Amino acid sequence: MCNAYAHSGGNLLTVRLDYRRDALFLEVHDDGAGIDPAILDAGERPGHWGLMGMRERAKQMSAKLSIESPSGKGTRVTLCIPARIAYAASPKTRFFFGSGARTADE
């Protein structure tokens, strides 16, 4: 949401969160200029790691990530996290503090 606000140049940001039996579904959509197709295809622009980081984190939790950005029509990011991960009784969420990573259980 912060990236959409900072970079889209749009006026409207819509966030939808659906709790489904089989998955947790998150959608963020803005009405901005969209992402340059070359950057979207490459995954990043030099010195920036946002898209790549999103893709890596989604893969780590077996989630499906979709980024759609037709030129001039904003960007829609959707994330679908399987229920077995999203609703786990004891999540192994990682919080990052300084140079090390700790789990929520530590």
PDB file of N, CA and C in Angstrom:
ATOM      1  N   MET A   1       0.827  -1.175   0.000  1.00  0.00           N
ATOM      2  CA  MET A   1       0.000   0.000   0.000  1.00  0.00           C
ATOM      3  C   MET A   1       0.877   1.245   0.000  1.00  0.00           C
ATOM      4  N   CYS A   2       1.964   1.192   0.739  1.00  0.00           N
ATOM      5  CA  CYS A   2       2.866   2.351   0.784  1.00  0.00           C
ATOM      6  C   CYS A   2       3.463   2.619  -0.592  1.00  0.00           C
ATOM      7  N   ASN A   3       3.871   1.556  -1.292  1.00  0.00           N
ATOM      8  CA  ASN A   3       4.439   1.740  -2.623  1.00  0.00           C
ATOM      9  C   ASN A   3       3.408   2.281  -3.596  1.00  0.00           C
ATOM     10  N   ALA A   4       2.189   1.796  -3.516  1.00  0.00           N
ATOM     11  CA  ALA A   4       1.140   2.308  -4.399  1.00  0.00           C
ATOM     12  C   ALA A   4       0.918   3.791  -4.139  1.00  0.00           C
ATOM     13  N   TYR A   5       0.870   4.157  -2.889  1.00  0.00           N
ATOM     14  CA  TYR A   5       0.675   5.559  -2.525  1.00  0.00           C
ATOM     15  C   TYR A   5       1.845   6.417  -3.007  1.00  0.00           C
ATOM     16  N   ALA A   6       3.059   5.923  -2.808  1.00  0.00           N
ATOM     17  CA  ALA A   6       4.251   6.703  -3.127  1.00  0.00           C
ATOM     18  C   ALA A   6       4.553   6.783  -4.622  1.00  0.00           C
ATOM     19  N   HIS A   7       4.242   5.731  -5.375  1.00  0.00           N
ATOM     20  CA  HIS A   7       4.719   5.661  -6.748  1.00  0.00           C
ATOM     21  C   HIS A   7       3.639   5.689  -7.830  1.00  0.00           C
ATOM     22  N   SER A   8       2.394   5.451  -7.516  1.00  0.00           N
ATOM     23  CA  SER A   8       1.392   5.297  -8.569  1.00  0.00           C
ATOM     24  C   SER A   8       0.996   6.609  -9.237  1.00  0.00           C
ATOM     25  N   GLY A   9       1.016   7.685  -8.465  1.00  0.00           N
ATOM     26  CA  GLY A   9       0.547   8.957  -9.009  1.00  0.00           C
ATOM     27  C   GLY A   9      -0.965   9.009  -9.116  1.00  0.00           C
ATOM     28  N   GLY A  10      -1.617   8.032  -8.513  1.00  0.00           N
ATOM     29  CA  GLY A  10      -3.074   7.975  -8.582  1.00  0.00           C
ATOM     30  C   GLY A  10      -3.746   8.720  -7.444  1.00  0.00           C
ATOM     31  N   ASN A  11      -5.064   8.711  -7.482  1.00  0.00           N
ATOM     32  CA  ASN A  11      -5.874   9.382  -6.467  1.00  0.00           C
ATOM     33  C   ASN A  11      -6.658   8.423  -5.585  1.00  0.00           C
ATOM     34  N   LEU A  12      -6.763   7.169  -6.014  1.00  0.00           N
ATOM     35  CA  LEU A  12      -7.589   6.211  -5.293  1.00  0.00           C
ATOM     36  C   LEU A  12      -6.822   4.910  -5.090  1.00  0.00           C
ATOM     37  N   LEU A  13      -6.851   4.421  -3.869  1.00  0.00           N
ATOM     38  CA  LEU A  13      -6.233   3.144  -3.527  1.00  0.00           C
ATOM     39  C   LEU A  13      -7.306   2.295  -2.867  1.00  0.00           C
ATOM     40  N   THR A  14      -7.557   1.143  -3.447  1.00  0.00           N
ATOM     41  CA  THR A  14      -8.573   0.235  -2.920  1.00  0.00           C
ATOM     42  C   THR A  14      -7.888  -1.019  -2.404  1.00  0.00           C
ATOM     43  N   VAL A  15      -8.245  -1.424  -1.187  1.00  0.00           N
ATOM     44  CA  VAL A  15      -7.688  -2.629  -0.588  1.00  0.00           C
ATOM     45  C   VAL A  15      -8.845  -3.550  -0.236  1.00  0.00           C
ATOM     46  N   ARG A  16      -8.728  -4.800  -0.644  1.00  0.00           N
ATOM     47  CA  ARG A  16      -9.766  -5.790  -0.347  1.00  0.00           C
ATOM     48  C   ARG A  16      -9.105  -6.995   0.305  1.00  0.00           C
ATOM     49  N   LEU A  17      -9.675  -7.428   1.404  1.00  0.00           N
ATOM     50  CA  LEU A  17      -9.181  -8.601   2.113  1.00  0.00           C
ATOM     51  C   LEU A  17     -10.353  -9.564   2.291  1.00  0.00           C
ATOM     52  N   ASP A  18     -10.208 -10.762   1.768  1.00  0.00           N
ATOM     53  CA  ASP A  18     -11.254 -11.779   1.870  1.00  0.00           C
ATOM     54  C   ASP A  18     -10.730 -12.984   2.638  1.00  0.00           C
ATOM     55  N   TYR A  19     -11.460 -13.349   3.675  1.00  0.00           N
ATOM     56  CA  TYR A  19     -11.174 -14.579   4.408  1.00  0.00           C
ATOM     57  C   TYR A  19     -12.022 -15.671   3.776  1.00  0.00           C
ATOM     58  N   ARG A  20     -11.394 -16.574   3.083  1.00  0.00           N
ATOM     59  CA  ARG A  20     -12.110 -17.670   2.440  1.00  0.00           C
ATOM     60  C   ARG A  20     -11.735 -18.966   3.135  1.00  0.00           C
ATOM     61  N   ARG A  21     -12.564 -19.949   2.972  1.00  0.00           N
ATOM     62  CA  ARG A  21     -12.312 -21.246   3.607  1.00  0.00           C
ATOM     63  C   ARG A  21     -10.998 -21.856   3.130  1.00  0.00           C
ATOM     64  N   ASP A  22     -10.703 -21.702   1.843  1.00  0.00           N
ATOM     65  CA  ASP A  22      -9.515 -22.336   1.272  1.00  0.00           C
ATOM     66  C   ASP A  22      -8.294 -21.421   1.188  1.00  0.00           C
ATOM     67  N   ALA A  23      -8.492 -20.104   1.409  1.00  0.00           N
ATOM     68  CA  ALA A  23      -7.365 -19.181   1.262  1.00  0.00           C
ATOM     69  C   ALA A  23      -7.693 -17.805   1.825  1.00  0.00           C
ATOM     70  N   LEU A  24      -6.643 -17.060   2.065  1.00  0.00           N
ATOM     71  CA  LEU A  24      -6.752 -15.653   2.423  1.00  0.00           C
ATOM     72  C   LEU A  24      -6.390 -14.878   1.162  1.00  0.00           C
ATOM     73  N   PHE A  25      -7.236 -13.956   0.770  1.00  0.00           N
ATOM     74  CA  PHE A  25      -7.084 -13.249  -0.488  1.00  0.00           C
ATOM     75  C   PHE A  25      -6.924 -11.758  -0.218  1.00  0.00           C
ATOM     76  N   LEU A  26      -5.852 -11.159  -0.737  1.00  0.00           N
ATOM     77  CA  LEU A  26      -5.597  -9.732  -0.584  1.00  0.00           C
ATOM     78  C   LEU A  26      -5.449  -9.113  -1.964  1.00  0.00           C
ATOM     79  N   GLU A  27      -6.112  -7.985  -2.164  1.00  0.00           N
ATOM     80  CA  GLU A  27      -6.006  -7.271  -3.427  1.00  0.00           C
ATOM     81  C   GLU A  27      -5.782  -5.795  -3.140  1.00  0.00           C
ATOM     82  N   VAL A  28      -4.789  -5.206  -3.792  1.00  0.00           N
ATOM     83  CA  VAL A  28      -4.516  -3.774  -3.694  1.00  0.00           C
ATOM     84  C   VAL A  28      -4.549  -3.231  -5.116  1.00  0.00           C
ATOM     85  N   HIS A  29      -5.386  -2.202  -5.317  1.00  0.00           N
ATOM     86  CA  HIS A  29      -5.564  -1.647  -6.657  1.00  0.00           C
ATOM     87  C   HIS A  29      -5.490  -0.130  -6.582  1.00  0.00           C
ATOM     88  N   ASP A  30      -4.717   0.463  -7.495  1.00  0.00           N
ATOM     89  CA  ASP A  30      -4.663   1.920  -7.557  1.00  0.00           C
ATOM     90  C   ASP A  30      -5.082   2.382  -8.949  1.00  0.00           C
ATOM     91  N   ASP A  31      -5.390   3.648  -9.056  1.00  0.00           N
ATOM     92  CA  ASP A  31      -5.823   4.206 -10.339  1.00  0.00           C
ATOM     93  C   ASP A  31      -4.724   5.064 -10.970  1.00  0.00           C
ATOM     94  N   GLY A  32      -3.482   4.729 -10.688  1.00  0.00           N
ATOM     95  CA  GLY A  32      -2.345   5.513 -11.170  1.00  0.00           C
ATOM     96  C   GLY A  32      -1.930   5.176 -12.587  1.00  0.00           C
ATOM     97  N   ALA A  33      -0.706   5.562 -12.886  1.00  0.00           N
ATOM     98  CA  ALA A  33      -0.167   5.430 -14.241  1.00  0.00           C
ATOM     99  C   ALA A  33       0.200   4.001 -14.613  1.00  0.00           C
ATOM    100  N   GLY A  34       0.382   3.145 -13.640  1.00  0.00           N
ATOM    101  CA  GLY A  34       0.789   1.766 -13.915  1.00  0.00           C
ATOM    102  C   GLY A  34       2.298   1.626 -13.885  1.00  0.00           C
ATOM    103  N   ILE A  35       2.754   0.407 -13.993  1.00  0.00           N
ATOM    104  CA  ILE A  35       4.183   0.096 -13.971  1.00  0.00           C
ATOM    105  C   ILE A  35       4.642  -0.124 -15.402  1.00  0.00           C
ATOM    106  N   ASP A  36       5.768   0.448 -15.742  1.00  0.00           N
ATOM    107  CA  ASP A  36       6.346   0.269 -17.069  1.00  0.00           C
ATOM    108  C   ASP A  36       6.447  -1.232 -17.363  1.00  0.00           C
ATOM    109  N   PRO A  37       5.936  -1.691 -18.513  1.00  0.00           N
ATOM    110  CA  PRO A  37       5.972  -3.130 -18.828  1.00  0.00           C
ATOM    111  C   PRO A  37       7.374  -3.737 -18.776  1.00  0.00           C
ATOM    112  N   ALA A  38       8.386  -2.982 -19.164  1.00  0.00           N
ATOM    113  CA  ALA A  38       9.758  -3.500 -19.123  1.00  0.00           C
ATOM    114  C   ALA A  38      10.184  -3.774 -17.688  1.00  0.00           C
ATOM    115  N   ILE A  39       9.809  -2.899 -16.760  1.00  0.00           N
ATOM    116  CA  ILE A  39      10.140  -3.095 -15.347  1.00  0.00           C
ATOM    117  C   ILE A  39       9.350  -4.271 -14.790  1.00  0.00           C
ATOM    118  N   LEU A  40       8.082  -4.357 -15.145  1.00  0.00           N
ATOM    119  CA  LEU A  40       7.243  -5.452 -14.663  1.00  0.00           C
ATOM    120  C   LEU A  40       7.772  -6.795 -15.155  1.00  0.00           C
ATOM    121  N   ASP A  41       8.185  -6.863 -16.416  1.00  0.00           N
ATOM    122  CA  ASP A  41       8.729  -8.109 -16.973  1.00  0.00           C
ATOM    123  C   ASP A  41      10.077  -8.470 -16.359  1.00  0.00           C
ATOM    124  N   ALA A  42      10.921  -7.466 -16.163  1.00  0.00           N
ATOM    125  CA  ALA A  42      12.254  -7.706 -15.597  1.00  0.00           C
ATOM    126  C   ALA A  42      12.181  -8.001 -14.114  1.00  0.00           C
ATOM    127  N   GLY A  43      11.135  -7.532 -13.467  1.00  0.00           N
ATOM    128  CA  GLY A  43      10.973  -7.778 -12.042  1.00  0.00           C
ATOM    129  C   GLY A  43      11.459  -6.642 -11.181  1.00  0.00           C
ATOM    130  N   GLU A  44      12.258  -5.769 -11.716  1.00  0.00           N
ATOM    131  CA  GLU A  44      12.805  -4.640 -10.947  1.00  0.00           C
ATOM    132  C   GLU A  44      13.407  -3.626 -11.880  1.00  0.00           C
ATOM    133  N   ARG A  45      13.684  -2.495 -11.303  1.00  0.00           N
ATOM    134  CA  ARG A  45      14.575  -1.544 -11.958  1.00  0.00           C
ATOM    135  C   ARG A  45      15.821  -1.485 -11.084  1.00  0.00           C
ATOM    136  N   PRO A  46      16.948  -1.125 -11.658  1.00  0.00           N
ATOM    137  CA  PRO A  46      18.210  -1.146 -10.902  1.00  0.00           C
ATOM    138  C   PRO A  46      18.104  -0.414  -9.563  1.00  0.00           C
ATOM    139  N   GLY A  47      18.574  -1.076  -8.516  1.00  0.00           N
ATOM    140  CA  GLY A  47      18.590  -0.472  -7.190  1.00  0.00           C
ATOM    141  C   GLY A  47      17.290  -0.586  -6.421  1.00  0.00           C
ATOM    142  N   HIS A  48      16.282  -1.211  -6.987  1.00  0.00           N
ATOM    143  CA  HIS A  48      14.988  -1.365  -6.319  1.00  0.00           C
ATOM    144  C   HIS A  48      14.652  -2.851  -6.231  1.00  0.00           C
ATOM    145  N   TRP A  49      14.077  -3.257  -5.096  1.00  0.00           N
ATOM    146  CA  TRP A  49      13.854  -4.688  -4.857  1.00  0.00           C
ATOM    147  C   TRP A  49      12.420  -5.013  -4.499  1.00  0.00           C
ATOM    148  N   GLY A  50      11.498  -4.061  -4.599  1.00  0.00           N
ATOM    149  CA  GLY A  50      10.123  -4.265  -4.166  1.00  0.00           C
ATOM    150  C   GLY A  50       9.402  -5.406  -4.857  1.00  0.00           C
ATOM    151  N   LEU A  51       9.384  -5.396  -6.184  1.00  0.00           N
ATOM    152  CA  LEU A  51       8.675  -6.448  -6.921  1.00  0.00           C
ATOM    153  C   LEU A  51       9.319  -7.806  -6.694  1.00  0.00           C
ATOM    154  N   MET A  52      10.643  -7.841  -6.754  1.00  0.00           N
ATOM    155  CA  MET A  52      11.352  -9.103  -6.539  1.00  0.00           C
ATOM    156  C   MET A  52      11.096  -9.623  -5.124  1.00  0.00           C
ATOM    157  N   GLY A  53      11.135  -8.732  -4.144  1.00  0.00           N
ATOM    158  CA  GLY A  53      10.877  -9.132  -2.761  1.00  0.00           C
ATOM    159  C   GLY A  53       9.476  -9.673  -2.581  1.00  0.00           C
ATOM    160  N   MET A  54       8.499  -9.028  -3.215  1.00  0.00           N
ATOM    161  CA  MET A  54       7.119  -9.512  -3.120  1.00  0.00           C
ATOM    162  C   MET A  54       7.005 -10.914  -3.711  1.00  0.00           C
ATOM    163  N   ARG A  55       7.631 -11.112  -4.851  1.00  0.00           N
ATOM    164  CA  ARG A  55       7.573 -12.429  -5.509  1.00  0.00           C
ATOM    165  C   ARG A  55       8.263 -13.499  -4.667  1.00  0.00           C
ATOM    166  N   GLU A  56       9.402 -13.162  -4.094  1.00  0.00           N
ATOM    167  CA  GLU A  56      10.126 -14.125  -3.261  1.00  0.00           C
ATOM    168  C   GLU A  56       9.333 -14.500  -2.019  1.00  0.00           C
ATOM    169  N   ARG A  57       8.741 -13.513  -1.344  1.00  0.00           N
ATOM    170  CA  ARG A  57       7.961 -13.796  -0.127  1.00  0.00           C
ATOM    171  C   ARG A  57       6.721 -14.625  -0.447  1.00  0.00           C
ATOM    172  N   ALA A  58       6.079 -14.329  -1.562  1.00  0.00           N
ATOM    173  CA  ALA A  58       4.907 -15.118  -1.959  1.00  0.00           C
ATOM    174  C   ALA A  58       5.311 -16.574  -2.207  1.00  0.00           C
ATOM    175  N   LYS A  59       6.408 -16.769  -2.898  1.00  0.00           N
ATOM    176  CA  LYS A  59       6.878 -18.126  -3.178  1.00  0.00           C
ATOM    177  C   LYS A  59       7.198 -18.878  -1.894  1.00  0.00           C
ATOM    178  N   GLN A  60       7.843 -18.196  -0.928  1.00  0.00           N
ATOM    179  CA  GLN A  60       8.209 -18.830   0.340  1.00  0.00           C
ATOM    180  C   GLN A  60       7.004 -19.361   1.097  1.00  0.00           C
ATOM    181  N   MET A  61       5.846 -18.714   0.945  1.00  0.00           N
ATOM    182  CA  MET A  61       4.666 -19.173   1.673  1.00  0.00           C
ATOM    183  C   MET A  61       3.655 -19.867   0.762  1.00  0.00           C
ATOM    184  N   SER A  62       4.120 -20.353  -0.383  1.00  0.00           N
ATOM    185  CA  SER A  62       3.276 -21.094  -1.325  1.00  0.00           C
ATOM    186  C   SER A  62       2.053 -20.294  -1.761  1.00  0.00           C
ATOM    187  N   ALA A  63       2.210 -18.991  -1.837  1.00  0.00           N
ATOM    188  CA  ALA A  63       1.108 -18.116  -2.239  1.00  0.00           C
ATOM    189  C   ALA A  63       1.179 -17.831  -3.733  1.00  0.00           C
ATOM    190  N   LYS A  64       0.064 -17.408  -4.287  1.00  0.00           N
ATOM    191  CA  LYS A  64       0.012 -16.989  -5.688  1.00  0.00           C
ATOM    192  C   LYS A  64      -0.027 -15.470  -5.711  1.00  0.00           C
ATOM    193  N   LEU A  65       0.895 -14.870  -6.436  1.00  0.00           N
ATOM    194  CA  LEU A  65       0.980 -13.428  -6.561  1.00  0.00           C
ATOM    195  C   LEU A  65       0.746 -13.050  -8.013  1.00  0.00           C
ATOM    196  N   SER A  66      -0.091 -12.068  -8.215  1.00  0.00           N
ATOM    197  CA  SER A  66      -0.362 -11.571  -9.555  1.00  0.00           C
ATOM    198  C   SER A  66      -0.220 -10.058  -9.546  1.00  0.00           C
ATOM    199  N   ILE A  67       0.484  -9.530 -10.540  1.00  0.00           N
ATOM    200  CA  ILE A  67       0.629  -8.093 -10.683  1.00  0.00           C
ATOM    201  C   ILE A  67       0.197  -7.727 -12.097  1.00  0.00           C
ATOM    202  N   GLU A  68      -0.890  -6.987 -12.186  1.00  0.00           N
ATOM    203  CA  GLU A  68      -1.423  -6.552 -13.476  1.00  0.00           C
ATOM    204  C   GLU A  68      -1.319  -5.035 -13.533  1.00  0.00           C
ATOM    205  N   SER A  69      -0.804  -4.532 -14.654  1.00  0.00           N
ATOM    206  CA  SER A  69      -0.609  -3.094 -14.743  1.00  0.00           C
ATOM    207  C   SER A  69      -0.719  -2.615 -16.189  1.00  0.00           C
ATOM    208  N   PRO A  70      -1.944  -2.598 -16.716  1.00  0.00           N
ATOM    209  CA  PRO A  70      -2.102  -2.078 -18.076  1.00  0.00           C
ATOM    210  C   PRO A  70      -1.754  -0.589 -18.114  1.00  0.00           C
ATOM    211  N   SER A  71      -1.030  -0.176 -19.109  1.00  0.00           N
ATOM    212  CA  SER A  71      -0.537   1.196 -19.205  1.00  0.00           C
ATOM    213  C   SER A  71      -1.658   2.225 -19.029  1.00  0.00           C
ATOM    214  N   GLY A  72      -1.444   3.120 -18.067  1.00  0.00           N
ATOM    215  CA  GLY A  72      -2.389   4.202 -17.818  1.00  0.00           C
ATOM    216  C   GLY A  72      -3.640   3.807 -17.071  1.00  0.00           C
ATOM    217  N   LYS A  73      -3.735   2.553 -16.648  1.00  0.00           N
ATOM    218  CA  LYS A  73      -4.952   2.076 -15.984  1.00  0.00           C
ATOM    219  C   LYS A  73      -4.688   1.574 -14.571  1.00  0.00           C
ATOM    220  N   GLY A  74      -3.596   2.020 -13.969  1.00  0.00           N
ATOM    221  CA  GLY A  74      -3.312   1.628 -12.593  1.00  0.00           C
ATOM    222  C   GLY A  74      -2.665   0.266 -12.487  1.00  0.00           C
ATOM    223  N   THR A  75      -2.534  -0.180 -11.257  1.00  0.00           N
ATOM    224  CA  THR A  75      -1.908  -1.471 -10.960  1.00  0.00           C
ATOM    225  C   THR A  75      -2.778  -2.228  -9.976  1.00  0.00           C
ATOM    226  N   ARG A  76      -2.925  -3.518 -10.229  1.00  0.00           N
ATOM    227  CA  ARG A  76      -3.668  -4.398  -9.330  1.00  0.00           C
ATOM    228  C   ARG A  76      -2.727  -5.514  -8.894  1.00  0.00           C
ATOM    229  N   VAL A  77      -2.515  -5.600  -7.585  1.00  0.00           N
ATOM    230  CA  VAL A  77      -1.683  -6.656  -7.008  1.00  0.00           C
ATOM    231  C   VAL A  77      -2.614  -7.567  -6.218  1.00  0.00           C
ATOM    232  N   THR A  78      -2.588  -8.845  -6.533  1.00  0.00           N
ATOM    233  CA  THR A  78      -3.408  -9.803  -5.796  1.00  0.00           C
ATOM    234  C   THR A  78      -2.505 -10.876  -5.203  1.00  0.00           C
ATOM    235  N   LEU A  79      -2.834 -11.272  -4.000  1.00  0.00           N
ATOM    236  CA  LEU A  79      -2.096 -12.300  -3.288  1.00  0.00           C
ATOM    237  C   LEU A  79      -3.101 -13.288  -2.719  1.00  0.00           C
ATOM    238  N   CYS A  80      -2.887 -14.556  -3.003  1.00  0.00           N
ATOM    239  CA  CYS A  80      -3.762 -15.612  -2.502  1.00  0.00           C
ATOM    240  C   CYS A  80      -2.895 -16.582  -1.698  1.00  0.00           C
ATOM    241  N   ILE A  81      -3.105 -16.603  -0.383  1.00  0.00           N
ATOM    242  CA  ILE A  81      -2.319 -17.437   0.520  1.00  0.00           C
ATOM    243  C   ILE A  81      -3.148 -18.657   0.904  1.00  0.00           C
ATOM    244  N   PRO A  82      -2.640 -19.870   0.694  1.00  0.00           N
ATOM    245  CA  PRO A  82      -3.402 -21.070   1.037  1.00  0.00           C
ATOM    246  C   PRO A  82      -3.803 -21.076   2.515  1.00  0.00           C
ATOM    247  N   ALA A  83      -4.976 -21.612   2.796  1.00  0.00           N
ATOM    248  CA  ALA A  83      -5.496 -21.646   4.169  1.00  0.00           C
ATOM    249  C   ALA A  83      -4.534 -22.325   5.128  1.00  0.00           C
ATOM    250  N   ARG A  84      -3.868 -23.381   4.696  1.00  0.00           N
ATOM    251  CA  ARG A  84      -2.957 -24.109   5.589  1.00  0.00           C
ATOM    252  C   ARG A  84      -1.807 -23.230   6.063  1.00  0.00           C
ATOM    253  N   ILE A  85      -1.485 -22.207   5.295  1.00  0.00           N
ATOM    254  CA  ILE A  85      -0.437 -21.257   5.678  1.00  0.00           C
ATOM    255  C   ILE A  85      -1.053 -20.056   6.397  1.00  0.00           C
ATOM    256  N   ALA A  86      -2.083 -19.485   5.796  1.00  0.00           N
ATOM    257  CA  ALA A  86      -2.685 -18.254   6.315  1.00  0.00           C
ATOM    258  C   ALA A  86      -3.334 -18.449   7.677  1.00  0.00           C
ATOM    259  N   TYR A  87      -3.917 -19.611   7.909  1.00  0.00           N
ATOM    260  CA  TYR A  87      -4.665 -19.838   9.143  1.00  0.00           C
ATOM    261  C   TYR A  87      -3.987 -20.852  10.054  1.00  0.00           C
ATOM    262  N   ALA A  88      -2.688 -21.005   9.926  1.00  0.00           N
ATOM    263  CA  ALA A  88      -1.951 -21.966  10.755  1.00  0.00           C
ATOM    264  C   ALA A  88      -2.114 -21.617  12.234  1.00  0.00           C
ATOM    265  N   ALA A  89      -2.223 -22.635  13.081  1.00  0.00           N
ATOM    266  CA  ALA A  89      -2.424 -22.426  14.514  1.00  0.00           C
ATOM    267  C   ALA A  89      -1.231 -21.714  15.148  1.00  0.00           C
ATOM    268  N   SER A  90      -0.023 -22.022  14.686  1.00  0.00           N
ATOM    269  CA  SER A  90       1.172 -21.406  15.246  1.00  0.00           C
ATOM    270  C   SER A  90       2.040 -20.897  14.097  1.00  0.00           C
ATOM    271  N   PRO A  91       1.739 -19.705  13.595  1.00  0.00           N
ATOM    272  CA  PRO A  91       2.482 -19.218  12.428  1.00  0.00           C
ATOM    273  C   PRO A  91       3.950 -18.993  12.745  1.00  0.00           C
ATOM    274  N   LYS A  92       4.771 -19.232  11.779  1.00  0.00           N
ATOM    275  CA  LYS A  92       6.208 -19.002  11.906  1.00  0.00           C
ATOM    276  C   LYS A  92       6.559 -17.700  11.188  1.00  0.00           C
ATOM    277  N   THR A  93       5.841 -16.665  11.518  1.00  0.00           N
ATOM    278  CA  THR A  93       6.055 -15.361  10.917  1.00  0.00           C
ATOM    279  C   THR A  93       7.438 -14.847  11.275  1.00  0.00           C
ATOM    280  N   ARG A  94       8.113 -14.294  10.325  1.00  0.00           N
ATOM    281  CA  ARG A  94       9.439 -13.739  10.572  1.00  0.00           C
ATOM    282  C   ARG A  94       9.351 -12.230  10.686  1.00  0.00           C
ATOM    283  N   PHE A  95       9.943 -11.724  11.740  1.00  0.00           N
ATOM    284  CA  PHE A  95      10.071 -10.294  11.928  1.00  0.00           C
ATOM    285  C   PHE A  95      11.547  -9.963  11.772  1.00  0.00           C
ATOM    286  N   PHE A  96      11.846  -8.883  11.118  1.00  0.00           N
ATOM    287  CA  PHE A  96      13.236  -8.523  10.881  1.00  0.00           C
ATOM    288  C   PHE A  96      13.623  -7.366  11.783  1.00  0.00           C
ATOM    289  N   PHE A  97      14.657  -7.594  12.584  1.00  0.00           N
ATOM    290  CA  PHE A  97      15.194  -6.599  13.494  1.00  0.00           C
ATOM    291  C   PHE A  97      16.680  -6.472  13.204  1.00  0.00           C
ATOM    292  N   GLY A  98      17.080  -5.347  12.694  1.00  0.00           N
ATOM    293  CA  GLY A  98      18.504  -5.140  12.427  1.00  0.00           C
ATOM    294  C   GLY A  98      19.006  -6.125  11.396  1.00  0.00           C
ATOM    295  N   SER A  99      20.126  -6.768  11.696  1.00  0.00           N
ATOM    296  CA  SER A  99      20.744  -7.667  10.718  1.00  0.00           C
ATOM    297  C   SER A  99      20.280  -9.113  10.850  1.00  0.00           C
ATOM    298  N   GLY A 100      19.570  -9.451  11.914  1.00  0.00           N
ATOM    299  CA  GLY A 100      19.143 -10.833  12.094  1.00  0.00           C
ATOM    300  C   GLY A 100      17.646 -10.981  11.972  1.00  0.00           C
ATOM    301  N   ALA A 101      17.194 -12.188  11.742  1.00  0.00           N
ATOM    302  CA  ALA A 101      15.772 -12.466  11.671  1.00  0.00           C
ATOM    303  C   ALA A 101      15.368 -13.310  12.858  1.00  0.00           C
ATOM    304  N   ARG A 102      14.195 -13.038  13.381  1.00  0.00           N
ATOM    305  CA  ARG A 102      13.681 -13.818  14.511  1.00  0.00           C
ATOM    306  C   ARG A 102      12.261 -14.229  14.178  1.00  0.00           C
ATOM    307  N   THR A 103      11.855 -15.371  14.681  1.00  0.00           N
ATOM    308  CA  THR A 103      10.479 -15.790  14.478  1.00  0.00           C
ATOM    309  C   THR A 103       9.615 -15.187  15.559  1.00  0.00           C
ATOM    310  N   ALA A 104       8.316 -15.237  15.362  1.00  0.00           N
ATOM    311  CA  ALA A 104       7.378 -14.683  16.325  1.00  0.00           C
ATOM    312  C   ALA A 104       7.444 -15.437  17.661  1.00  0.00           C
ATOM    313  N   ASP A 105       7.951 -16.695  17.638  1.00  0.00           N
ATOM    314  CA  ASP A 105       8.023 -17.517  18.840  1.00  0.00           C
ATOM    315  C   ASP A 105       9.227 -17.175  19.725  1.00  0.00           C
ATOM    316  N   GLU A 106      10.177 -16.407  19.202  1.00  0.00           N
ATOM    317  CA  GLU A 106      11.406 -16.110  19.956  1.00  0.00           C
ATOM    318  C   GLU A 106      11.215 -14.937  20.881  1.00  0.00           C
TER     319      GLU A 106
END
